[in-house]
Protein backbone atom coordinates (compact mmCIF):
# COMPACT_ATOMS: atom_id res chain seq x y z
CA MET A 1 0.00 0.00 0.00
CA SER A 2 2.80 2.38 0.85
CA ALA A 3 4.53 1.63 -2.45
CA LEU A 4 1.33 2.49 -4.35
CA SER A 5 1.09 5.72 -2.42
CA GLU A 6 4.65 6.62 -3.32
CA LEU A 7 3.99 5.85 -6.97
CA SER A 8 0.86 8.01 -6.82
CA LYS A 9 2.85 10.82 -5.33
CA LEU A 10 5.50 10.55 -8.03
CA ARG A 11 2.83 10.51 -10.73
CA THR A 12 0.73 13.36 -9.42
CA GLY A 13 3.41 15.36 -7.71
CA GLY A 14 1.26 15.38 -4.61
CA HIS A 15 2.44 16.74 -1.29
CA GLN A 16 5.07 18.85 -3.01
CA THR A 17 5.51 22.46 -2.23
CA PRO A 18 5.68 25.01 -5.09
CA GLU A 19 9.41 25.33 -4.41
CA GLN A 20 9.88 21.56 -4.72
CA ARG A 21 7.91 21.42 -7.98
CA ALA A 22 9.94 24.33 -9.38
CA ALA A 23 13.17 22.58 -8.40
CA ARG A 24 11.93 19.37 -10.02
CA ARG A 25 11.05 21.18 -13.25
CA LYS A 26 14.47 22.83 -13.25
CA GLU A 27 16.19 19.50 -12.79
CA THR A 28 14.11 17.94 -15.57
CA SER A 29 14.90 20.85 -17.86
CA ARG A 30 18.61 20.46 -17.11
CA ASP A 31 18.44 16.74 -17.91
CA ASN A 32 16.63 17.47 -21.17
CA ARG A 33 19.24 20.02 -22.21
CA ALA A 34 21.99 17.51 -21.51
CA GLY A 35 20.13 14.91 -23.57
CA TYR A 36 19.71 17.28 -26.51
CA ALA A 37 23.39 18.25 -26.26
CA PHE A 38 24.39 14.60 -26.67
CA LEU A 39 21.90 14.23 -29.53
CA ALA A 40 23.04 17.41 -31.27
CA PRO A 41 25.81 15.84 -33.46
CA TRP A 42 23.41 13.17 -34.68
CA LEU A 43 20.63 15.70 -35.27
CA VAL A 44 22.99 17.96 -37.23
CA GLY A 45 24.00 15.00 -39.39
CA LEU A 46 20.38 13.92 -39.84
CA PHE A 47 19.17 17.31 -41.04
CA ALA A 48 22.33 18.37 -42.91
CA PHE A 49 23.21 15.12 -44.66
CA THR A 50 19.94 13.16 -44.84
CA ILE A 51 16.70 15.13 -44.57
CA GLY A 52 18.07 18.29 -46.22
CA PRO A 53 19.46 16.51 -49.34
CA MET A 54 16.31 14.38 -49.54
CA LEU A 55 14.08 17.45 -49.60
CA ALA A 56 16.39 19.09 -52.15
CA SER A 57 16.27 15.93 -54.27
CA LEU A 58 12.48 15.86 -54.05
CA TYR A 59 12.31 19.43 -55.35
CA LEU A 60 14.90 18.79 -58.09
CA SER A 61 12.90 15.76 -59.29
CA PHE A 62 10.31 18.25 -60.58
CA THR A 63 12.89 20.35 -62.44
CA ASP A 64 15.30 20.07 -65.37
CA TYR A 65 18.36 21.03 -63.29
CA ASN A 66 21.71 20.46 -65.06
CA LEU A 67 24.24 21.69 -62.44
CA ILE A 68 25.06 24.79 -64.51
CA GLN A 69 21.79 26.65 -64.87
CA SER A 70 19.24 27.28 -62.15
CA PRO A 71 16.56 24.60 -61.70
CA ASN A 72 13.56 25.15 -63.94
CA PHE A 73 10.30 23.74 -62.55
CA THR A 74 8.78 21.32 -65.07
CA GLY A 75 6.11 19.57 -63.01
CA PHE A 76 5.71 15.89 -63.82
CA ASP A 77 7.77 15.99 -67.04
CA ASN A 78 10.51 13.76 -65.59
CA ILE A 79 7.98 11.11 -64.60
CA VAL A 80 6.44 11.21 -68.09
CA ARG A 81 9.92 10.83 -69.60
CA MET A 82 10.59 7.83 -67.37
CA LEU A 83 7.54 6.07 -68.77
CA GLY A 84 9.00 6.24 -72.26
CA ASP A 85 12.66 5.64 -71.38
CA ASP A 86 13.62 2.23 -72.79
CA ARG A 87 17.02 2.17 -71.05
CA LEU A 88 15.35 2.83 -67.71
CA HIS A 89 13.02 -0.11 -68.34
CA GLN A 90 16.05 -2.27 -69.22
CA SER A 91 17.80 -1.17 -66.01
CA LEU A 92 14.71 -2.18 -64.04
CA ARG A 93 14.66 -5.62 -65.71
CA VAL A 94 18.36 -6.13 -64.93
CA THR A 95 18.00 -4.98 -61.32
CA PHE A 96 14.88 -7.06 -60.64
CA THR A 97 16.61 -10.15 -62.06
CA TYR A 98 19.66 -9.44 -59.92
CA VAL A 99 17.57 -9.03 -56.76
CA LEU A 100 15.02 -11.82 -57.30
CA VAL A 101 17.66 -14.38 -58.25
CA GLY A 102 20.72 -13.24 -56.33
CA VAL A 103 19.19 -12.63 -52.90
CA PRO A 104 17.47 -16.05 -52.48
CA LEU A 105 20.58 -17.87 -53.74
CA GLN A 106 22.80 -15.91 -51.40
CA LEU A 107 20.56 -16.64 -48.41
CA ILE A 108 20.41 -20.36 -49.25
CA VAL A 109 24.21 -20.58 -49.47
CA ALA A 110 24.60 -18.54 -46.27
CA LEU A 111 22.17 -20.76 -44.39
CA GLY A 112 23.84 -23.93 -45.67
CA ILE A 113 27.30 -22.80 -44.57
CA ALA A 114 25.91 -21.63 -41.21
CA LEU A 115 24.35 -25.07 -40.63
CA LEU A 116 27.68 -26.72 -41.36
CA LEU A 117 29.56 -24.42 -39.02
CA ASN A 118 26.92 -24.86 -36.33
CA LYS A 119 27.68 -28.58 -36.11
CA GLY A 120 30.84 -27.69 -34.25
CA MET A 121 34.32 -28.01 -35.63
CA ARG A 122 37.83 -27.17 -34.64
CA GLY A 123 39.01 -23.74 -35.70
CA LEU A 124 35.48 -22.38 -36.03
CA PRO A 125 36.52 -18.70 -35.54
CA PHE A 126 39.02 -19.09 -38.39
CA TYR A 127 36.47 -20.54 -40.81
CA ARG A 128 33.90 -17.95 -39.74
CA SER A 129 36.36 -15.14 -40.52
CA VAL A 130 37.34 -16.68 -43.86
CA PHE A 131 33.72 -17.01 -44.95
CA TYR A 132 32.90 -13.50 -43.72
CA LEU A 133 35.78 -11.90 -45.61
CA PRO A 134 34.01 -11.82 -49.05
CA SER A 135 31.22 -9.73 -47.52
CA MET A 136 33.75 -7.07 -46.67
CA LEU A 137 35.46 -7.20 -50.06
CA GLY A 138 32.65 -8.19 -52.44
CA GLY A 139 31.53 -4.65 -53.16
CA SER A 140 35.03 -3.30 -53.50
CA VAL A 141 36.74 -2.14 -56.67
CA ALA A 142 39.58 -4.64 -56.23
CA VAL A 143 37.28 -7.69 -56.13
CA SER A 144 35.25 -6.38 -59.06
CA LEU A 145 38.46 -6.06 -61.08
CA LEU A 146 39.45 -9.56 -59.97
CA TRP A 147 36.03 -10.85 -61.07
CA ARG A 148 36.56 -9.27 -64.46
CA GLN A 149 39.86 -11.11 -64.81
CA ILE A 150 38.45 -14.44 -63.65
CA PHE A 151 35.56 -14.41 -66.13
CA GLY A 152 37.38 -12.70 -69.01
CA THR A 153 38.18 -14.38 -72.32
CA ASP A 154 41.58 -15.52 -71.04
CA GLY A 155 40.48 -15.60 -67.40
CA LEU A 156 40.88 -18.30 -64.82
CA ILE A 157 37.61 -20.07 -65.69
CA ASN A 158 38.46 -20.42 -69.37
CA GLN A 159 42.00 -21.53 -68.58
CA LEU A 160 40.66 -24.29 -66.33
CA LEU A 161 38.17 -25.36 -69.00
CA ARG A 162 40.91 -25.44 -71.64
CA ALA A 163 43.04 -27.56 -69.33
CA LEU A 164 40.13 -30.01 -69.27
CA GLY A 165 39.98 -30.03 -73.06
CA VAL A 166 37.03 -27.68 -73.48
CA ASP A 167 37.28 -25.09 -76.25
CA ALA A 168 36.40 -22.15 -74.03
CA THR A 169 36.60 -18.85 -75.90
CA ILE A 170 33.69 -16.94 -74.38
CA GLY A 171 34.39 -13.86 -72.31
CA TYR A 172 31.64 -14.21 -69.73
CA VAL A 173 31.75 -10.59 -68.58
CA SER A 174 31.70 -9.37 -72.19
CA HIS A 175 28.87 -11.59 -73.41
CA PRO A 176 25.30 -10.26 -73.02
CA ASP A 177 23.94 -13.70 -72.09
CA TYR A 178 26.39 -14.30 -69.23
CA ALA A 179 27.54 -10.91 -67.91
CA LEU A 180 24.67 -10.41 -65.48
CA TRP A 181 25.01 -13.95 -64.14
CA THR A 182 28.66 -13.35 -63.25
CA LEU A 183 27.51 -10.40 -61.13
CA ILE A 184 24.81 -12.54 -59.52
CA LEU A 185 27.51 -15.10 -58.73
CA LEU A 186 29.61 -12.34 -57.18
CA HIS A 187 26.61 -11.34 -55.07
CA VAL A 188 26.10 -14.93 -53.91
CA TRP A 189 29.80 -15.14 -53.04
CA THR A 190 29.33 -12.32 -50.52
CA PHE A 191 27.27 -14.57 -48.27
CA GLY A 192 29.40 -13.96 -45.19
CA SER A 193 27.33 -11.26 -43.56
CA PRO A 194 23.98 -13.16 -43.56
CA MET A 195 25.87 -16.34 -42.69
CA VAL A 196 27.19 -14.83 -39.45
CA ILE A 197 23.68 -13.68 -38.53
CA PHE A 198 22.27 -17.15 -39.34
CA LEU A 199 24.96 -18.75 -37.21
CA ALA A 200 24.09 -16.50 -34.26
CA GLY A 201 20.41 -17.38 -34.71
CA LEU A 202 21.13 -21.11 -34.81
CA ARG A 203 23.04 -20.82 -31.55
CA GLN A 204 19.96 -19.28 -29.91
CA ILE A 205 17.63 -22.21 -30.66
CA PRO A 206 17.14 -24.17 -27.41
CA THR A 207 18.51 -27.70 -27.61
CA MET A 208 15.42 -29.07 -25.83
CA TYR A 209 13.46 -28.82 -29.09
CA TYR A 210 16.02 -30.99 -30.88
CA GLU A 211 16.06 -33.46 -28.00
CA ALA A 212 12.27 -33.71 -27.99
CA ALA A 213 12.19 -34.20 -31.78
CA ALA A 214 14.87 -36.91 -31.54
CA LEU A 215 12.88 -38.71 -28.83
CA ASP A 216 9.84 -38.63 -31.13
CA GLY A 217 11.88 -40.33 -33.84
CA ALA A 218 12.14 -37.37 -36.22
CA ASN A 219 14.89 -37.64 -38.83
CA SER A 220 17.28 -34.84 -39.77
CA ARG A 221 15.07 -33.59 -42.60
CA LYS A 222 12.00 -33.30 -40.39
CA ILE A 223 13.99 -31.67 -37.60
CA PHE A 224 15.27 -29.07 -40.07
CA LEU A 225 11.83 -28.39 -41.54
CA ARG A 226 9.78 -28.55 -38.32
CA VAL A 227 12.22 -27.15 -35.75
CA THR A 228 15.14 -25.26 -37.26
CA LEU A 229 13.38 -23.34 -40.03
CA PRO A 230 10.38 -22.14 -37.95
CA LEU A 231 12.57 -21.02 -35.05
CA LEU A 232 15.02 -19.41 -37.43
CA SER A 233 12.34 -17.67 -39.50
CA PRO A 234 12.74 -14.26 -37.75
CA ILE A 235 16.44 -14.32 -38.63
CA ILE A 236 15.66 -15.35 -42.21
CA PHE A 237 13.18 -12.48 -42.44
CA PHE A 238 15.73 -10.03 -41.04
CA ASN A 239 18.38 -11.14 -43.52
CA LEU A 240 15.88 -11.08 -46.38
CA VAL A 241 14.89 -7.47 -45.75
CA LEU A 242 18.50 -6.31 -45.39
CA GLN A 243 19.75 -8.15 -48.45
CA VAL A 244 16.89 -7.01 -50.68
CA ILE A 245 17.54 -3.39 -49.76
CA GLY A 246 21.28 -3.82 -50.28
CA ALA A 247 20.86 -5.61 -53.62
CA PHE A 248 18.70 -2.81 -55.02
CA GLN A 249 21.49 -0.38 -54.16
CA SER A 250 24.31 -2.41 -55.76
CA PHE A 251 26.50 -0.26 -57.96
CA THR A 252 30.25 -0.87 -57.73
CA GLN A 253 30.28 -4.37 -59.21
CA ALA A 254 28.39 -3.37 -62.36
CA PHE A 255 30.32 -0.11 -62.72
CA ILE A 256 33.74 -1.81 -62.62
CA VAL A 257 32.91 -4.96 -64.57
CA SER A 258 31.15 -3.06 -67.37
CA GLY A 259 33.54 -0.13 -67.37
CA GLY A 260 30.75 2.18 -66.26
CA SER A 261 28.63 1.58 -69.39
CA GLY A 262 26.29 -1.16 -68.18
CA GLY A 263 27.37 -3.25 -71.16
CA PRO A 264 27.56 -5.39 -73.06
CA SER A 265 24.25 -4.39 -74.69
CA ASP A 266 23.01 -2.95 -71.37
CA SER A 267 22.98 -6.45 -69.89
CA THR A 268 24.54 -5.18 -66.63
CA LEU A 269 22.83 -1.79 -66.59
CA PHE A 270 21.84 -1.69 -62.94
CA TYR A 271 19.31 0.94 -61.97
CA THR A 272 21.86 2.76 -59.81
CA LEU A 273 24.36 2.71 -62.65
CA TYR A 274 21.87 4.28 -65.05
CA LEU A 275 20.95 6.83 -62.38
CA TYR A 276 24.64 7.72 -62.01
CA GLU A 277 25.01 8.00 -65.77
CA ARG A 278 22.06 10.36 -66.03
CA GLY A 279 23.17 12.51 -63.12
CA PHE A 280 26.96 12.67 -63.35
CA THR A 281 27.66 11.90 -67.01
CA ASN A 282 24.75 13.64 -68.73
CA PHE A 283 24.28 16.18 -65.90
CA GLN A 284 20.53 15.61 -65.85
CA MET A 285 20.21 16.04 -62.11
CA GLY A 286 16.46 16.63 -62.22
CA TYR A 287 15.84 13.38 -64.06
CA ALA A 288 18.33 11.53 -61.82
CA SER A 289 16.54 12.85 -58.73
CA ALA A 290 13.23 11.55 -60.07
CA MET A 291 14.89 8.17 -60.65
CA ALA A 292 16.25 8.19 -57.09
CA TRP A 293 12.76 8.71 -55.70
CA LEU A 294 11.40 5.91 -57.88
CA LEU A 295 14.07 3.62 -56.43
CA LEU A 296 13.03 4.66 -52.94
CA VAL A 297 9.41 3.81 -53.75
CA ILE A 298 10.42 0.41 -55.17
CA ILE A 299 12.51 -0.48 -52.11
CA ALA A 300 9.73 0.70 -49.78
CA ALA A 301 7.20 -1.42 -51.71
CA PHE A 302 9.38 -4.54 -51.50
CA THR A 303 9.97 -3.96 -47.80
CA ALA A 304 6.25 -3.47 -47.17
CA ILE A 305 5.46 -6.68 -49.09
CA ASN A 306 8.02 -8.56 -47.01
CA PHE A 307 6.52 -7.28 -43.76
CA PHE A 308 3.01 -8.09 -44.95
CA ALA A 309 3.98 -11.64 -45.99
CA ALA A 310 5.95 -12.19 -42.79
CA LYS A 311 2.81 -12.89 -40.77
CA TYR A 312 2.26 -16.03 -42.85
CA TRP A 313 5.66 -17.63 -42.40
CA VAL A 314 7.65 -15.93 -39.62
CA PHE A 315 7.29 -17.59 -36.23
CA TYR A 316 8.01 -15.67 -33.04
CA ASP A 317 8.47 -17.91 -30.01
CA ASP A 318 7.13 -15.52 -27.37
C-alpha cells in the first residue's frame, strides 16, 4: 500500500511544495538540455546530410536542373519521360533479375554454410572469418576487377576449361547472355554477412526442441523443416529485408565490370548505374533525382510486401 502511495505521489506530484515542484522542473529541464546536447551531433548530421538533401532531391525531381543553370520547374515531365525511357526499363529488368535471383541464392548458401559451421568443428573462428571476408570485399573495386579477370576471355575459368579439353573462348563478362550472371555469382559469393547472422540465430535455438524431436523419432530432414526453419524464421526475415535493400542499391560491381557503361548491350545496366550516368555523365540532375525517388518507392514497396507476408511464415516464439 505504501509503495502504491509513493507511486501516486511521483505521478501526481502530490504533497510537493511550489518550491519543490519548481526545483523538479528545473532538474528535468537540465536533464533534457543535456540529452539534446548529446543528440546534437546526430541531429545535425540527420538534417544536414539526410533530410536536407532528400528534400532538395524531391524538389529537383520536378525540375530540369543540369548543375550549370538554375533549376527550372517542369512539373511531372521527368515522370512522363521515365515512362518512355527504354534504357530505364532495361535497367529495371536487370535490377529485378539481380535481386530476385541473387538474394534467395545468397541466403540459401549462407544458411547452408551456417548449418555446417553450427555442427561444431575445430578452428570455427578461423572458418567464420574466412567465410565472412568476401562480404567485406565483395563490393570493393579490387574484387570487381578480380572478377573481371576471372571471367574474361583468357580468365581463370576459361584456362581451367581449356586444361580439361574444353574449347572455351567466351568472355563471360563481355557476353550479353552471361555478364549479369557473373555479377549474380559475385553477389552470392558475398554470403558472409547473412551467414554470421544465421549462425548466431542457430546458436539461440534451445537444444530441448532438438532433444524432444529426436525422442519422437524425427529424422534430420524433419527436424530441419519442423524445428530449425520455424525457429530461425525471424532471422531469415531479417536477412531477407536487409539483403533485398542492399541488392537494389548495388553499384560498384556493375560499374567496374562493365567499365561504367552497363554493357555489353546494357545487360549489366543496374538501376543505380543508369541513375549515375544520367546525373553525373549527362548532368541531368532533375531526371536523376526523379529516378532516385522511384528507387526509394520500389525499395519501400518490396519492404512493405516482405513485412506483410511475414505474418504467414515468420514464427516468433514468445
